[in-house]
Amino acid sequence: GQVYLGIPFAFMIYNSYGIDMPRMLPLLIFALLWLNDSGAYIVGSLMGRHKMSPKISPKKTWEGFAGGVVITVAGASLLYAFCDVWFGMQQYGLGTWLLLAVSTCVFGTLGDLQESRIKRRYGFKDSGNWIPGHGGLLDRIDSFLFAYPVAFLIMFILSLIHI
């Protein structure tokens, strides 16, 4: 539990204190995750046929995953065009935004699957009742716990090589 929660939050704290990295990176990753979740749900509901991991998360499909990636890449392109200054990312090109979008989709999905695997292993449906009907607080941040450290490392490496 300490690693599962500790690493992402340690990176967020490190991100907020004086390093050459966009301060709004956590919010950007949340925005990309919301785009991914929405795109995956819509496309998966309409066209999903091939189950991604039927035993862990029976409703996740590869078609939904692909739809999430397409919607997230499109959304990241729009955010790059209109909101780069707001996110503090004006010095980064479209390639960085697309790299963040795709990595957020991949690792966000892995985080969601990992949390589903934990819940199935221990035999509980919800990870809490703070947000009724939404599977609990952990369900709201499971994707972030995997996607943010990867995004942080990408941005950290890019800041080191000044791209």
Protein backbone atom coordinates (compact mmCIF):
# COMPACT_ATOMS: atom_id res chain seq x y z
CA GLY A 1 0.00 0.00 0.00
CA GLN A 2 2.80 2.42 0.77
CA VAL A 3 4.37 1.98 -2.66
CA TYR A 4 0.99 1.87 -4.44
CA LEU A 5 -0.04 5.24 -3.01
CA GLY A 6 3.33 6.63 -1.95
CA ILE A 7 5.15 6.87 -5.27
CA PRO A 8 2.49 8.88 -7.15
CA PHE A 9 1.97 11.27 -4.26
CA ALA A 10 5.70 11.65 -3.66
CA PHE A 11 6.11 12.58 -7.33
CA MET A 12 3.27 15.12 -7.00
CA ILE A 13 4.98 16.73 -4.02
CA TYR A 14 8.32 16.74 -5.83
CA ASN A 15 6.58 18.23 -8.89
CA SER A 16 5.24 21.14 -6.85
CA TYR A 17 8.58 22.27 -5.40
CA GLY A 18 10.97 24.09 -7.63
CA ILE A 19 11.82 21.68 -10.40
CA ASP A 20 11.61 22.59 -14.06
CA MET A 21 8.32 20.84 -14.74
CA PRO A 22 4.74 21.99 -15.41
CA ARG A 23 2.95 22.52 -12.09
CA MET A 24 -0.40 21.55 -13.64
CA LEU A 25 0.86 18.14 -14.79
CA PRO A 26 -1.35 16.22 -12.32
CA LEU A 27 -4.46 18.04 -13.57
CA LEU A 28 -3.45 17.40 -17.19
CA ILE A 29 -3.11 13.69 -16.46
CA PHE A 30 -6.54 13.67 -14.80
CA ALA A 31 -8.00 15.41 -17.87
CA LEU A 32 -6.39 12.83 -20.19
CA LEU A 33 -7.66 10.00 -18.00
CA TRP A 34 -11.20 11.39 -18.09
CA LEU A 35 -11.01 11.59 -21.89
CA ASN A 36 -9.69 8.03 -22.02
CA ASP A 37 -12.37 6.67 -19.67
CA SER A 38 -15.14 8.44 -21.58
CA GLY A 39 -13.88 7.34 -24.99
CA ALA A 40 -13.33 3.76 -23.85
CA TYR A 41 -16.79 3.56 -22.31
CA ILE A 42 -18.59 5.01 -25.33
CA VAL A 43 -16.73 2.99 -27.97
CA GLY A 44 -16.67 -0.16 -25.83
CA SER A 45 -20.42 0.05 -25.20
CA LEU A 46 -21.19 0.54 -28.87
CA MET A 47 -18.63 -1.69 -30.56
CA GLY A 48 -16.88 -3.78 -27.89
CA ARG A 49 -16.58 -7.44 -28.82
CA HIS A 50 -13.13 -8.65 -27.79
CA LYS A 51 -12.68 -8.84 -24.02
CA MET A 52 -9.42 -7.45 -22.70
CA SER A 53 -9.33 -9.40 -19.44
CA PRO A 54 -12.60 -11.25 -18.87
CA LYS A 55 -11.72 -12.64 -15.44
CA ILE A 56 -10.49 -9.35 -14.01
CA SER A 57 -12.69 -6.78 -15.70
CA PRO A 58 -15.36 -8.43 -17.89
CA LYS A 59 -16.65 -5.20 -19.46
CA LYS A 60 -13.29 -3.91 -20.72
CA THR A 61 -12.75 -4.52 -24.43
CA TRP A 62 -9.90 -3.93 -26.84
CA GLU A 63 -12.25 -1.85 -29.00
CA GLY A 64 -13.00 0.34 -26.00
CA PHE A 65 -9.29 0.68 -25.27
CA ALA A 66 -8.62 1.75 -28.88
CA GLY A 67 -11.52 4.21 -28.75
CA GLY A 68 -10.14 5.66 -25.53
CA VAL A 69 -6.73 6.14 -27.12
CA VAL A 70 -8.21 7.85 -30.21
CA ILE A 71 -10.38 10.20 -28.11
CA THR A 72 -7.50 10.97 -25.75
CA VAL A 73 -5.06 11.71 -28.58
CA ALA A 74 -7.65 13.98 -30.22
CA GLY A 75 -8.32 15.69 -26.90
CA ALA A 76 -4.61 16.12 -26.19
CA SER A 77 -4.18 17.72 -29.62
CA LEU A 78 -6.95 20.21 -28.82
CA LEU A 79 -5.52 20.92 -25.37
CA TYR A 80 -2.11 21.48 -26.97
CA ALA A 81 -3.62 23.92 -29.48
CA PHE A 82 -5.72 25.91 -27.02
CA CYS A 83 -4.58 25.30 -23.43
CA ASP A 84 -0.81 24.74 -23.46
CA VAL A 85 -0.12 27.98 -21.56
CA TRP A 86 -2.76 27.21 -18.96
CA PHE A 87 -1.15 23.83 -18.24
CA GLY A 88 2.33 25.43 -18.26
CA MET A 89 3.37 23.29 -21.22
CA GLN A 90 4.01 25.97 -23.86
CA GLN A 91 7.65 24.93 -24.27
CA TYR A 92 6.68 21.37 -25.22
CA GLY A 93 5.62 20.34 -28.71
CA LEU A 94 2.74 18.25 -29.91
CA GLY A 95 4.88 15.10 -29.77
CA THR A 96 5.24 15.44 -25.99
CA TRP A 97 1.49 15.89 -25.61
CA LEU A 98 0.80 12.81 -27.74
CA LEU A 99 3.38 10.77 -25.82
CA LEU A 100 1.67 11.78 -22.57
CA ALA A 101 -1.75 10.94 -24.03
CA VAL A 102 -0.79 7.44 -25.19
CA SER A 103 1.21 6.58 -22.06
CA THR A 104 -1.68 7.83 -19.90
CA CYS A 105 -4.08 5.54 -21.77
CA VAL A 106 -1.82 2.49 -21.47
CA PHE A 107 -0.82 2.93 -17.84
CA GLY A 108 -4.20 4.25 -16.75
CA THR A 109 -5.81 1.09 -18.11
CA LEU A 110 -3.18 -1.04 -16.35
CA GLY A 111 -3.93 0.81 -13.10
CA ASP A 112 -7.64 0.20 -13.50
CA LEU A 113 -7.06 -3.49 -14.20
CA GLN A 114 -4.72 -3.79 -11.21
CA GLU A 115 -7.31 -2.28 -8.88
CA SER A 116 -9.99 -4.61 -10.28
CA ARG A 117 -7.62 -7.54 -9.74
CA ILE A 118 -7.08 -6.54 -6.12
CA LYS A 119 -10.82 -6.22 -5.52
CA ARG A 120 -11.52 -9.62 -7.11
CA ARG A 121 -8.70 -11.29 -5.19
CA TYR A 122 -10.06 -10.11 -1.86
CA GLY A 123 -13.71 -10.55 -2.84
CA PHE A 124 -15.15 -7.07 -2.50
CA LYS A 125 -17.01 -5.04 -5.08
CA ASP A 126 -16.35 -1.50 -3.89
CA SER A 127 -13.19 -0.04 -2.42
CA GLY A 128 -15.25 2.17 -0.10
CA ASN A 129 -18.54 3.99 0.21
CA TRP A 130 -17.45 7.64 0.15
CA ILE A 131 -18.81 7.99 -3.37
CA PRO A 132 -21.92 5.77 -3.51
CA GLY A 133 -22.44 3.94 -6.80
CA HIS A 134 -18.91 4.65 -8.03
CA GLY A 135 -16.97 1.77 -6.53
CA GLY A 136 -15.27 3.89 -3.91
CA LEU A 137 -12.51 6.46 -3.78
CA LEU A 138 -9.84 4.07 -5.04
CA ASP A 139 -11.90 3.52 -8.21
CA ARG A 140 -11.65 7.26 -8.90
CA ILE A 141 -7.84 7.35 -8.68
CA ASP A 142 -6.68 3.84 -9.66
CA SER A 143 -5.73 4.91 -13.18
CA PHE A 144 -3.94 8.00 -11.87
CA LEU A 145 -1.80 5.91 -9.49
CA PHE A 146 -0.21 4.16 -12.49
CA ALA A 147 -0.37 6.87 -15.15
CA TYR A 148 0.99 9.82 -13.18
CA PRO A 149 4.36 8.31 -12.21
CA VAL A 150 4.99 7.44 -15.87
CA ALA A 151 3.98 10.93 -17.01
CA PHE A 152 6.16 12.45 -14.29
CA LEU A 153 9.17 10.39 -15.40
CA ILE A 154 8.60 11.35 -19.05
CA MET A 155 8.49 15.03 -18.15
CA PHE A 156 11.44 14.70 -15.76
CA ILE A 157 13.59 13.09 -18.46
CA LEU A 158 12.54 15.73 -20.98
CA SER A 159 13.40 18.49 -18.50
CA LEU A 160 16.85 16.95 -18.03
CA ILE A 161 17.58 16.94 -21.74
CA HIS A 162 15.76 20.28 -22.25
CA ILE A 163 13.39 19.20 -25.01
